[in-house]
């Protein structure tokens, strides 16, 4: 059985390379425009600087979105166009000022909104730490444990290093079943 696996996987690998190269003309290659960490640090530094700066307290960009306040803001603001800033994570709004007293701390509203997006998805990254710990444990300790076990199933000898494949197979089976069986059943049951 093991002698048949190697030629098929090798053949699949060599077929995938030309397919990958044929599709490379359709890829959108975007050159790096700078570090996102630099943008986050710049926005946080500007927010801290503008919070403690006496002059910046009075010139912070307004977050009001009413037409009257926008018209008034457009009349008062000559050197910057009207920039829409969302209300969520409003402490970062202090990073944007109409006239910066310290030029390196000048930040645009788009940069502040990008940092807000990163801060909003940060809990997702935090919540995956436990899952990654479990997966790391599964891929290392289970192989070591399987090396001490009898891995023979009938006449088939299962190599210990292939045991982490079984959770992947279960996920590949259970994820579509969840999506196509459990979710429709729950929607029908809850009338949603």
N, C-alpha and C. Protein backbone atom coordinates (compact mmCIF):
# COMPACT_ATOMS: atom_id res chain seq x y z
N UNK A 1 0.82 -1.19 0.00
CA UNK A 1 0.00 0.00 0.00
C UNK A 1 0.87 1.25 0.00
N UNK A 2 1.93 1.26 0.82
CA UNK A 2 2.80 2.42 0.90
C UNK A 2 3.56 2.68 -0.38
N UNK A 3 3.80 1.63 -1.18
CA UNK A 3 4.53 1.80 -2.44
C UNK A 3 3.68 2.52 -3.47
N UNK A 4 2.35 2.47 -3.36
CA UNK A 4 1.48 3.16 -4.31
C UNK A 4 1.28 4.63 -3.97
N UNK A 5 1.43 4.96 -2.71
CA UNK A 5 1.19 6.34 -2.28
C UNK A 5 2.24 7.28 -2.83
N UNK A 6 3.48 6.89 -2.83
CA UNK A 6 4.57 7.76 -3.26
C UNK A 6 4.45 8.19 -4.72
N UNK A 7 4.19 7.29 -5.69
CA UNK A 7 4.07 7.76 -7.07
C UNK A 7 2.87 8.68 -7.29
N UNK A 8 1.75 8.41 -6.61
CA UNK A 8 0.57 9.27 -6.78
C UNK A 8 0.80 10.66 -6.21
N UNK A 9 1.42 10.74 -5.05
CA UNK A 9 1.68 12.06 -4.47
C UNK A 9 2.72 12.82 -5.28
N UNK A 10 3.71 12.11 -5.81
CA UNK A 10 4.72 12.75 -6.65
C UNK A 10 4.09 13.25 -7.94
N UNK A 11 3.24 12.45 -8.55
CA UNK A 11 2.54 12.86 -9.77
C UNK A 11 1.65 14.07 -9.52
N UNK A 12 0.91 14.04 -8.41
CA UNK A 12 0.04 15.18 -8.06
C UNK A 12 0.87 16.44 -7.85
N UNK A 13 2.03 16.31 -7.24
CA UNK A 13 2.90 17.45 -7.01
C UNK A 13 3.38 18.04 -8.34
N UNK A 14 3.82 17.17 -9.26
CA UNK A 14 4.32 17.67 -10.54
C UNK A 14 3.22 18.20 -11.45
N UNK A 15 1.99 17.76 -11.27
CA UNK A 15 0.86 18.32 -12.02
C UNK A 15 0.49 19.69 -11.45
N UNK A 16 0.62 19.85 -10.14
CA UNK A 16 0.21 21.11 -9.51
C UNK A 16 1.15 22.26 -9.86
N UNK A 17 2.42 21.99 -10.12
CA UNK A 17 3.37 23.06 -10.42
C UNK A 17 3.00 23.81 -11.70
N UNK A 18 2.72 23.13 -12.85
CA UNK A 18 2.33 23.90 -14.04
C UNK A 18 1.00 24.62 -13.86
N UNK A 19 0.06 24.03 -13.11
CA UNK A 19 -1.22 24.71 -12.86
C UNK A 19 -0.97 25.99 -12.07
N UNK A 20 -0.11 25.91 -11.08
CA UNK A 20 0.23 27.09 -10.30
C UNK A 20 0.88 28.16 -11.17
N UNK A 21 1.81 27.75 -12.02
CA UNK A 21 2.50 28.72 -12.87
C UNK A 21 1.58 29.31 -13.93
N UNK A 22 0.62 28.52 -14.45
CA UNK A 22 -0.33 29.06 -15.42
C UNK A 22 -1.22 30.13 -14.79
N UNK A 23 -1.56 29.96 -13.53
CA UNK A 23 -2.41 30.93 -12.86
C UNK A 23 -1.69 32.15 -12.35
N UNK A 24 -0.36 32.14 -12.39
CA UNK A 24 0.39 33.25 -11.81
C UNK A 24 0.19 34.57 -12.55
N UNK A 25 -0.23 34.53 -13.80
CA UNK A 25 -0.48 35.78 -14.52
C UNK A 25 -1.73 36.48 -14.00
N UNK A 26 -2.61 35.74 -13.34
CA UNK A 26 -3.85 36.32 -12.83
C UNK A 26 -3.73 36.80 -11.39
N UNK A 27 -2.61 36.55 -10.74
CA UNK A 27 -2.43 36.96 -9.36
C UNK A 27 -2.26 38.46 -9.29
N UNK A 28 -2.81 39.04 -8.25
CA UNK A 28 -2.62 40.48 -8.01
C UNK A 28 -1.43 40.63 -7.08
N UNK A 29 -0.35 41.07 -7.63
CA UNK A 29 0.86 41.24 -6.84
C UNK A 29 0.95 42.71 -6.45
N UNK A 30 0.90 42.95 -5.17
CA UNK A 30 0.93 44.31 -4.66
C UNK A 30 2.21 44.48 -3.85
N UNK A 31 3.02 45.38 -4.28
CA UNK A 31 4.29 45.62 -3.60
C UNK A 31 4.08 46.16 -2.21
N UNK A 32 5.02 45.89 -1.32
CA UNK A 32 4.87 46.40 0.06
C UNK A 32 4.95 47.91 0.08
N UNK A 33 4.03 48.50 0.84
CA UNK A 33 3.97 49.96 0.94
C UNK A 33 4.43 50.45 2.31
N UNK A 34 4.92 49.57 3.12
CA UNK A 34 5.33 49.93 4.46
C UNK A 34 4.79 48.93 5.46
N UNK A 35 5.27 49.02 6.64
CA UNK A 35 4.87 48.08 7.68
C UNK A 35 3.57 48.55 8.33
N UNK A 36 2.68 47.58 8.57
CA UNK A 36 1.43 47.91 9.26
C UNK A 36 1.70 48.18 10.73
N UNK A 37 2.73 47.56 11.26
CA UNK A 37 3.09 47.80 12.66
C UNK A 37 3.55 49.24 12.83
N UNK A 38 4.25 49.76 11.83
CA UNK A 38 4.68 51.16 11.88
C UNK A 38 3.47 52.09 11.90
N UNK A 39 2.45 51.77 11.08
CA UNK A 39 1.23 52.58 11.06
C UNK A 39 0.53 52.54 12.41
N UNK A 40 0.44 51.35 13.00
CA UNK A 40 -0.21 51.22 14.30
C UNK A 40 0.54 52.03 15.35
N UNK A 41 1.85 51.91 15.35
CA UNK A 41 2.67 52.66 16.32
C UNK A 41 2.54 54.17 16.10
N UNK A 42 2.50 54.57 14.83
CA UNK A 42 2.39 56.00 14.52
C UNK A 42 1.06 56.56 15.00
N UNK A 43 -0.03 55.80 14.78
CA UNK A 43 -1.36 56.26 15.21
C UNK A 43 -1.41 56.32 16.74
N UNK A 44 -0.89 55.31 17.41
CA UNK A 44 -0.90 55.32 18.87
C UNK A 44 -0.04 56.45 19.43
N UNK A 45 1.12 56.69 18.81
CA UNK A 45 1.99 57.78 19.26
C UNK A 45 1.31 59.13 19.03
N UNK A 46 0.66 59.29 17.87
CA UNK A 46 -0.04 60.55 17.59
C UNK A 46 -1.20 60.75 18.56
N UNK A 47 -1.89 59.67 18.89
CA UNK A 47 -3.01 59.77 19.83
C UNK A 47 -2.51 60.20 21.20
N UNK A 48 -1.42 59.61 21.66
CA UNK A 48 -0.86 59.97 22.97
C UNK A 48 -0.34 61.41 22.94
N UNK A 49 0.37 61.76 21.87
CA UNK A 49 0.92 63.13 21.76
C UNK A 49 -0.21 64.15 21.73
N UNK A 50 -1.25 63.88 20.94
CA UNK A 50 -2.35 64.84 20.81
C UNK A 50 -3.21 64.88 22.07
N UNK A 51 -3.26 63.82 22.82
CA UNK A 51 -4.01 63.82 24.07
C UNK A 51 -3.37 64.76 25.08
N UNK A 52 -2.05 64.73 25.14
CA UNK A 52 -1.35 65.53 26.14
C UNK A 52 -0.89 66.89 25.61
N UNK A 53 -1.10 67.14 24.33
CA UNK A 53 -0.73 68.44 23.76
C UNK A 53 -1.86 69.43 24.00
N UNK A 54 -1.53 70.60 24.46
CA UNK A 54 -2.55 71.62 24.75
C UNK A 54 -3.17 72.12 23.45
N UNK A 55 -2.37 72.35 22.42
CA UNK A 55 -2.88 72.89 21.17
C UNK A 55 -3.75 71.89 20.43
N UNK A 56 -3.43 70.61 20.50
CA UNK A 56 -4.17 69.61 19.73
C UNK A 56 -5.53 69.31 20.32
N UNK A 57 -5.74 69.65 21.58
CA UNK A 57 -7.05 69.39 22.18
C UNK A 57 -8.14 70.20 21.50
N UNK A 58 -7.79 71.37 21.05
CA UNK A 58 -8.78 72.26 20.47
C UNK A 58 -9.00 72.04 18.99
N UNK A 59 -8.10 71.33 18.32
CA UNK A 59 -8.21 71.20 16.87
C UNK A 59 -8.46 69.77 16.42
N UNK A 60 -8.90 68.91 17.29
CA UNK A 60 -9.17 67.52 16.90
C UNK A 60 -10.30 67.49 15.89
N UNK A 61 -10.20 66.60 14.92
CA UNK A 61 -11.22 66.48 13.89
C UNK A 61 -12.49 65.97 14.52
N UNK A 62 -13.60 66.61 14.20
CA UNK A 62 -14.88 66.23 14.77
C UNK A 62 -15.36 64.92 14.18
N UNK A 63 -16.07 64.14 15.02
CA UNK A 63 -16.61 62.86 14.55
C UNK A 63 -18.10 62.98 14.26
N UNK A 64 -18.63 64.18 14.30
CA UNK A 64 -20.05 64.37 13.99
C UNK A 64 -20.27 64.16 12.51
N UNK A 65 -21.37 63.51 12.16
CA UNK A 65 -21.63 63.25 10.75
C UNK A 65 -22.90 63.94 10.26
N UNK A 66 -23.41 64.90 11.02
CA UNK A 66 -24.60 65.60 10.57
C UNK A 66 -24.21 66.57 9.45
N UNK A 67 -25.14 66.82 8.51
CA UNK A 67 -24.81 67.70 7.38
C UNK A 67 -24.42 69.11 7.82
N UNK A 68 -25.08 69.63 8.86
CA UNK A 68 -24.77 71.00 9.29
C UNK A 68 -23.35 71.08 9.85
N UNK A 69 -22.98 70.10 10.65
CA UNK A 69 -21.63 70.14 11.22
C UNK A 69 -20.58 69.88 10.16
N UNK A 70 -20.89 69.05 9.16
CA UNK A 70 -19.94 68.81 8.07
C UNK A 70 -19.74 70.07 7.23
N UNK A 71 -20.81 70.81 6.98
CA UNK A 71 -20.69 72.05 6.21
C UNK A 71 -19.85 73.07 6.98
N UNK A 72 -20.10 73.17 8.28
CA UNK A 72 -19.34 74.09 9.11
C UNK A 72 -17.87 73.67 9.15
N UNK A 73 -17.65 72.39 9.23
CA UNK A 73 -16.26 71.89 9.28
C UNK A 73 -15.55 72.16 7.97
N UNK A 74 -16.25 72.00 6.82
CA UNK A 74 -15.64 72.26 5.52
C UNK A 74 -15.26 73.73 5.37
N UNK A 75 -16.06 74.63 5.94
CA UNK A 75 -15.74 76.05 5.86
C UNK A 75 -14.51 76.39 6.72
N UNK A 76 -14.42 75.73 7.89
CA UNK A 76 -13.32 76.04 8.79
C UNK A 76 -12.02 75.38 8.35
N UNK A 77 -12.14 74.30 7.63
CA UNK A 77 -10.95 73.50 7.33
C UNK A 77 -10.54 73.71 5.87
N UNK A 78 -9.43 74.40 5.65
CA UNK A 78 -9.00 74.71 4.29
C UNK A 78 -7.96 73.74 3.77
N UNK A 79 -7.07 73.27 4.65
CA UNK A 79 -5.93 72.50 4.18
C UNK A 79 -6.18 70.99 4.14
N UNK A 80 -7.26 70.48 4.70
CA UNK A 80 -7.57 69.05 4.65
C UNK A 80 -9.01 68.86 4.21
N UNK A 81 -9.28 67.86 3.35
CA UNK A 81 -10.67 67.60 3.01
C UNK A 81 -11.39 66.96 4.19
N UNK A 82 -12.74 66.97 4.13
CA UNK A 82 -13.54 66.38 5.18
C UNK A 82 -13.27 64.88 5.26
N UNK A 83 -12.91 64.41 6.41
CA UNK A 83 -12.58 63.00 6.59
C UNK A 83 -13.59 62.40 7.56
N UNK A 84 -14.22 61.32 7.16
CA UNK A 84 -15.19 60.67 8.02
C UNK A 84 -14.48 59.71 8.95
N UNK A 85 -14.73 59.89 10.23
CA UNK A 85 -14.14 59.04 11.25
C UNK A 85 -15.29 58.40 12.00
N UNK A 86 -15.20 57.10 12.20
CA UNK A 86 -16.27 56.40 12.90
C UNK A 86 -16.18 56.67 14.40
N UNK A 87 -17.30 56.42 15.08
CA UNK A 87 -17.38 56.68 16.51
C UNK A 87 -16.77 55.57 17.35
N UNK A 88 -16.71 54.35 16.83
CA UNK A 88 -16.18 53.26 17.63
C UNK A 88 -14.68 53.43 17.84
N UNK A 89 -14.22 52.98 19.00
CA UNK A 89 -12.84 53.19 19.44
C UNK A 89 -12.46 54.66 19.31
N UNK A 90 -13.31 55.50 19.85
CA UNK A 90 -13.17 56.95 19.66
C UNK A 90 -11.91 57.53 20.28
N UNK A 91 -11.27 56.80 21.20
CA UNK A 91 -10.03 57.33 21.78
C UNK A 91 -8.95 57.49 20.72
N UNK A 92 -9.03 56.72 19.62
CA UNK A 92 -8.04 56.86 18.55
C UNK A 92 -8.30 58.07 17.65
N UNK A 93 -9.51 58.64 17.75
CA UNK A 93 -9.83 59.80 16.92
C UNK A 93 -8.96 61.01 17.25
N UNK A 94 -8.39 61.04 18.43
CA UNK A 94 -7.53 62.16 18.80
C UNK A 94 -6.23 62.16 18.00
N UNK A 95 -5.93 61.06 17.34
CA UNK A 95 -4.70 60.99 16.55
C UNK A 95 -4.78 61.88 15.32
N UNK A 96 -5.99 62.15 14.84
CA UNK A 96 -6.18 62.98 13.64
C UNK A 96 -6.43 64.41 14.08
N UNK A 97 -5.61 65.33 13.61
CA UNK A 97 -5.80 66.75 13.90
C UNK A 97 -5.84 67.54 12.61
N UNK A 98 -6.42 68.71 12.69
CA UNK A 98 -6.49 69.56 11.51
C UNK A 98 -5.11 70.13 11.16
N UNK A 99 -4.43 70.61 12.18
CA UNK A 99 -3.08 71.15 11.98
C UNK A 99 -2.18 70.53 13.02
N UNK A 100 -1.22 69.77 12.56
CA UNK A 100 -0.34 69.06 13.48
C UNK A 100 0.71 70.01 14.04
N UNK A 101 0.90 69.97 15.35
CA UNK A 101 1.94 70.78 15.97
C UNK A 101 3.30 70.11 15.87
N UNK A 102 3.28 68.80 15.63
CA UNK A 102 4.51 68.01 15.51
C UNK A 102 4.38 67.20 14.21
N UNK A 103 5.03 67.65 13.11
CA UNK A 103 4.82 67.04 11.79
C UNK A 103 5.00 65.52 11.71
N UNK A 104 5.96 64.91 12.40
CA UNK A 104 6.06 63.44 12.30
C UNK A 104 4.85 62.72 12.88
N UNK A 105 4.06 63.39 13.70
CA UNK A 105 2.89 62.73 14.29
C UNK A 105 1.63 62.95 13.46
N UNK A 106 1.76 63.50 12.27
CA UNK A 106 0.58 63.73 11.44
C UNK A 106 0.04 62.40 10.91
N UNK A 107 -1.23 62.15 11.16
CA UNK A 107 -1.88 60.90 10.82
C UNK A 107 -3.16 61.21 10.06
N UNK A 108 -3.44 60.42 9.04
CA UNK A 108 -4.65 60.60 8.25
C UNK A 108 -5.78 59.75 8.83
N UNK A 109 -7.00 60.13 8.53
CA UNK A 109 -8.16 59.40 9.04
C UNK A 109 -8.19 57.95 8.54
N UNK A 110 -7.71 57.73 7.33
CA UNK A 110 -7.69 56.37 6.78
C UNK A 110 -6.78 55.48 7.62
N UNK A 111 -5.64 56.01 8.06
CA UNK A 111 -4.73 55.24 8.89
C UNK A 111 -5.38 54.90 10.24
N UNK A 112 -6.11 55.86 10.80
CA UNK A 112 -6.79 55.62 12.07
C UNK A 112 -7.85 54.54 11.89
N UNK A 113 -8.60 54.59 10.80
CA UNK A 113 -9.63 53.57 10.55
C UNK A 113 -9.01 52.20 10.34
N UNK A 114 -7.85 52.13 9.70
CA UNK A 114 -7.16 50.84 9.53
C UNK A 114 -6.72 50.28 10.88
N UNK A 115 -6.23 51.12 11.76
CA UNK A 115 -5.83 50.67 13.09
C UNK A 115 -7.05 50.20 13.88
N UNK A 116 -8.16 50.90 13.72
CA UNK A 116 -9.39 50.47 14.39
C UNK A 116 -9.82 49.09 13.92
N UNK A 117 -9.67 48.81 12.64
CA UNK A 117 -10.02 47.49 12.11
C UNK A 117 -9.14 46.42 12.72
N UNK A 118 -7.84 46.71 12.83
CA UNK A 118 -6.91 45.74 13.43
C UNK A 118 -7.28 45.50 14.89
N UNK A 119 -7.61 46.57 15.62
CA UNK A 119 -7.98 46.42 17.02
C UNK A 119 -9.27 45.63 17.17
N UNK A 120 -10.18 45.78 16.21
CA UNK A 120 -11.45 45.05 16.29
C UNK A 120 -11.27 43.56 16.05
N UNK A 121 -10.32 43.17 15.20
CA UNK A 121 -10.14 41.74 14.94
C UNK A 121 -9.11 41.11 15.88
N UNK A 122 -8.50 41.91 16.74
CA UNK A 122 -7.52 41.38 17.68
C UNK A 122 -8.09 40.29 18.59
N UNK A 123 -9.33 40.40 19.08
CA UNK A 123 -9.89 39.31 19.89
C UNK A 123 -9.97 37.97 19.15
N UNK A 124 -10.11 38.02 17.83
CA UNK A 124 -10.12 36.77 17.07
C UNK A 124 -8.76 36.09 17.17
N UNK A 125 -7.70 36.86 17.05
CA UNK A 125 -6.36 36.28 17.18
C UNK A 125 -6.15 35.72 18.58
N UNK A 126 -6.59 36.44 19.58
CA UNK A 126 -6.43 36.00 20.96
C UNK A 126 -7.20 34.70 21.20
N UNK A 127 -8.39 34.59 20.62
CA UNK A 127 -9.21 33.40 20.87
C UNK A 127 -8.66 32.15 20.20
N UNK A 128 -7.75 32.30 19.26
CA UNK A 128 -7.20 31.11 18.59
C UNK A 128 -5.97 30.55 19.29
N UNK A 129 -5.52 31.19 20.36
CA UNK A 129 -4.32 30.71 21.05
C UNK A 129 -4.54 29.32 21.61
N UNK A 130 -5.68 29.09 22.26
CA UNK A 130 -5.94 27.77 22.83
C UNK A 130 -6.05 26.71 21.74
N UNK A 131 -6.70 27.04 20.63
CA UNK A 131 -6.82 26.09 19.53
C UNK A 131 -5.43 25.73 18.99
N UNK A 132 -4.58 26.72 18.83
CA UNK A 132 -3.24 26.45 18.33
C UNK A 132 -2.42 25.62 19.31
N UNK A 133 -2.63 25.84 20.61
CA UNK A 133 -1.94 25.00 21.60
C UNK A 133 -2.40 23.55 21.48
N UNK A 134 -3.71 23.35 21.29
CA UNK A 134 -4.23 21.99 21.13
C UNK A 134 -3.69 21.34 19.87
N UNK A 135 -3.63 22.10 18.78
CA UNK A 135 -3.12 21.54 17.52
C UNK A 135 -1.63 21.22 17.61
N UNK A 136 -0.88 22.06 18.29
CA UNK A 136 0.55 21.77 18.47
C UNK A 136 0.74 20.52 19.31
N UNK A 137 -0.09 20.39 20.33
CA UNK A 137 -0.02 19.20 21.18
C UNK A 137 -0.40 17.96 20.37
N UNK A 138 -1.42 18.08 19.56
CA UNK A 138 -1.89 16.95 18.76
C UNK A 138 -0.82 16.48 17.78
N UNK A 139 -0.15 17.43 17.14
CA UNK A 139 0.80 17.05 16.10
C UNK A 139 2.15 16.57 16.65
N UNK A 140 2.43 16.82 17.91
CA UNK A 140 3.72 16.38 18.45
C UNK A 140 3.57 15.22 19.43
N UNK A 141 2.77 15.41 20.46
CA UNK A 141 2.67 14.39 21.49
C UNK A 141 1.98 13.13 20.99
N UNK A 142 0.98 13.28 20.11
CA UNK A 142 0.27 12.09 19.63
C UNK A 142 1.19 11.19 18.81
N UNK A 143 2.14 11.77 18.08
CA UNK A 143 3.09 10.95 17.32
C UNK A 143 4.01 10.21 18.28
N UNK A 144 4.45 10.89 19.32
CA UNK A 144 5.30 10.23 20.31
C UNK A 144 4.53 9.13 21.04
N UNK A 145 3.27 9.40 21.35
CA UNK A 145 2.44 8.40 22.02
C UNK A 145 2.17 7.22 21.10
N UNK A 146 1.91 7.49 19.81
CA UNK A 146 1.63 6.42 18.86
C UNK A 146 2.83 5.52 18.64
N UNK A 147 4.03 6.05 18.82
CA UNK A 147 5.23 5.24 18.64
C UNK A 147 5.31 4.14 19.68
N UNK A 148 4.68 4.34 20.83
CA UNK A 148 4.70 3.31 21.88
C UNK A 148 3.51 2.36 21.79
N UNK A 149 2.53 2.65 20.91
CA UNK A 149 1.32 1.84 20.81
C UNK A 149 1.45 0.79 19.71
N UNK A 150 0.53 -0.14 19.74
CA UNK A 150 0.39 -1.10 18.65
C UNK A 150 -0.48 -0.44 17.59
N UNK A 151 0.09 -0.06 16.48
CA UNK A 151 -0.64 0.67 15.43
C UNK A 151 -1.09 -0.24 14.30
N UNK A 152 -1.18 -1.50 14.57
CA UNK A 152 -1.63 -2.45 13.55
C UNK A 152 -3.15 -2.56 13.61
N UNK A 153 -3.80 -2.37 12.46
CA UNK A 153 -5.24 -2.56 12.32
C UNK A 153 -5.43 -3.71 11.33
N UNK A 154 -5.71 -4.88 11.85
CA UNK A 154 -5.79 -6.06 11.00
C UNK A 154 -4.44 -6.35 10.39
N UNK A 155 -4.41 -6.38 9.07
CA UNK A 155 -3.14 -6.60 8.38
C UNK A 155 -2.45 -5.29 8.01
N UNK A 156 -3.08 -4.16 8.30
CA UNK A 156 -2.54 -2.84 7.94
C UNK A 156 -1.73 -2.28 9.09
N UNK A 157 -0.51 -1.89 8.80
CA UNK A 157 0.36 -1.25 9.79
C UNK A 157 0.30 0.26 9.55
N UNK A 158 -0.27 1.02 10.51
CA UNK A 158 -0.39 2.47 10.39
C UNK A 158 0.86 3.10 11.00
N UNK A 159 1.61 3.87 10.21
CA UNK A 159 2.81 4.52 10.78
C UNK A 159 2.41 5.55 11.82
N UNK A 160 3.15 5.68 12.90
CA UNK A 160 2.80 6.64 13.95
C UNK A 160 2.74 8.09 13.46
N UNK A 161 3.56 8.44 12.50
CA UNK A 161 3.57 9.83 12.02
C UNK A 161 2.32 10.19 11.24
N UNK A 162 1.53 9.20 10.82
CA UNK A 162 0.31 9.49 10.06
C UNK A 162 -0.92 9.65 10.95
N UNK A 163 -0.79 9.46 12.25
CA UNK A 163 -1.94 9.57 13.13
C UNK A 163 -2.55 10.98 13.20
N UNK A 164 -1.77 12.07 13.10
CA UNK A 164 -2.41 13.39 13.09
C UNK A 164 -3.29 13.63 11.87
N UNK A 165 -3.28 12.74 10.88
CA UNK A 165 -4.14 12.89 9.71
C UNK A 165 -5.60 12.64 10.08
N UNK A 166 -5.84 11.77 11.07
CA UNK A 166 -7.21 11.41 11.41
C UNK A 166 -8.05 12.59 11.89
N UNK A 167 -7.56 13.49 12.74
CA UNK A 167 -8.38 14.67 13.07
C UNK A 167 -8.67 15.55 11.86
N UNK A 168 -7.73 15.63 10.94
CA UNK A 168 -7.96 16.43 9.73
C UNK A 168 -9.09 15.79 8.91
N UNK A 169 -9.08 14.47 8.81
CA UNK A 169 -10.15 13.78 8.08
C UNK A 169 -11.49 14.03 8.76
N UNK A 170 -11.53 13.95 10.09
CA UNK A 170 -12.78 14.20 10.80
C UNK A 170 -13.27 15.63 10.58
N UNK A 171 -12.37 16.60 10.57
CA UNK A 171 -12.76 17.99 10.32
C UNK A 171 -13.30 18.13 8.90
N UNK A 172 -12.64 17.48 7.93
CA UNK A 172 -13.10 17.56 6.54
C UNK A 172 -14.47 16.93 6.37
N UNK A 173 -14.81 15.95 7.18
CA UNK A 173 -16.14 15.32 7.10
C UNK A 173 -17.16 16.12 7.91
N UNK A 174 -16.78 16.55 9.12
CA UNK A 174 -17.74 17.20 10.00
C UNK A 174 -18.05 18.64 9.62
N UNK A 175 -17.11 19.37 9.04
CA UNK A 175 -17.38 20.77 8.67
C UNK A 175 -18.47 20.88 7.61
N UNK A 176 -18.42 20.13 6.51
CA UNK A 176 -19.54 20.20 5.56
C UNK A 176 -20.84 19.66 6.14
N UNK A 177 -20.75 18.62 6.99
CA UNK A 177 -21.96 18.10 7.60
C UNK A 177 -22.59 19.16 8.51
N UNK A 178 -21.78 19.89 9.23
CA UNK A 178 -22.28 20.97 10.07
C UNK A 178 -22.95 22.04 9.22
N UNK A 179 -22.30 22.38 8.10
CA UNK A 179 -22.80 23.45 7.24
C UNK A 179 -24.07 23.05 6.50
N UNK A 180 -24.17 21.80 6.07
CA UNK A 180 -25.29 21.40 5.22
C UNK A 180 -26.38 20.63 5.96
N UNK A 181 -26.13 20.17 7.19
CA UNK A 181 -27.14 19.40 7.92
C UNK A 181 -27.55 20.13 9.20
N UNK A 182 -26.60 20.44 10.05
CA UNK A 182 -26.92 20.98 11.37
C UNK A 182 -27.46 22.40 11.27
N UNK A 183 -26.81 23.27 10.50
CA UNK A 183 -27.27 24.65 10.39
C UNK A 183 -28.65 24.73 9.75
N UNK A 184 -28.94 24.04 8.62
CA UNK A 184 -30.31 24.10 8.09
C UNK A 184 -31.36 23.54 9.08
N UNK A 185 -31.00 22.51 9.83
CA UNK A 185 -31.93 21.96 10.80
C UNK A 185 -32.22 22.98 11.90
N UNK A 186 -31.18 23.67 12.38
CA UNK A 186 -31.38 24.68 13.42
C UNK A 186 -32.16 25.87 12.90
N UNK A 187 -31.91 26.27 11.65
CA UNK A 187 -32.67 27.38 11.08
C UNK A 187 -34.13 27.02 10.93
N UNK A 188 -34.41 25.80 10.51
CA UNK A 188 -35.80 25.35 10.36
C UNK A 188 -36.47 25.24 11.73
N UNK A 189 -35.73 24.78 12.73
CA UNK A 189 -36.28 24.61 14.05
C UNK A 189 -36.56 25.96 14.72
N UNK A 190 -35.68 26.95 14.47
CA UNK A 190 -35.84 28.28 15.10
C UNK A 190 -36.60 29.26 14.24
N UNK A 191 -37.02 28.86 13.05
CA UNK A 191 -37.73 29.73 12.11
C UNK A 191 -36.91 30.94 11.71
N UNK A 192 -35.61 30.79 11.55
CA UNK A 192 -34.73 31.88 11.11
C UNK A 192 -34.25 31.63 9.72
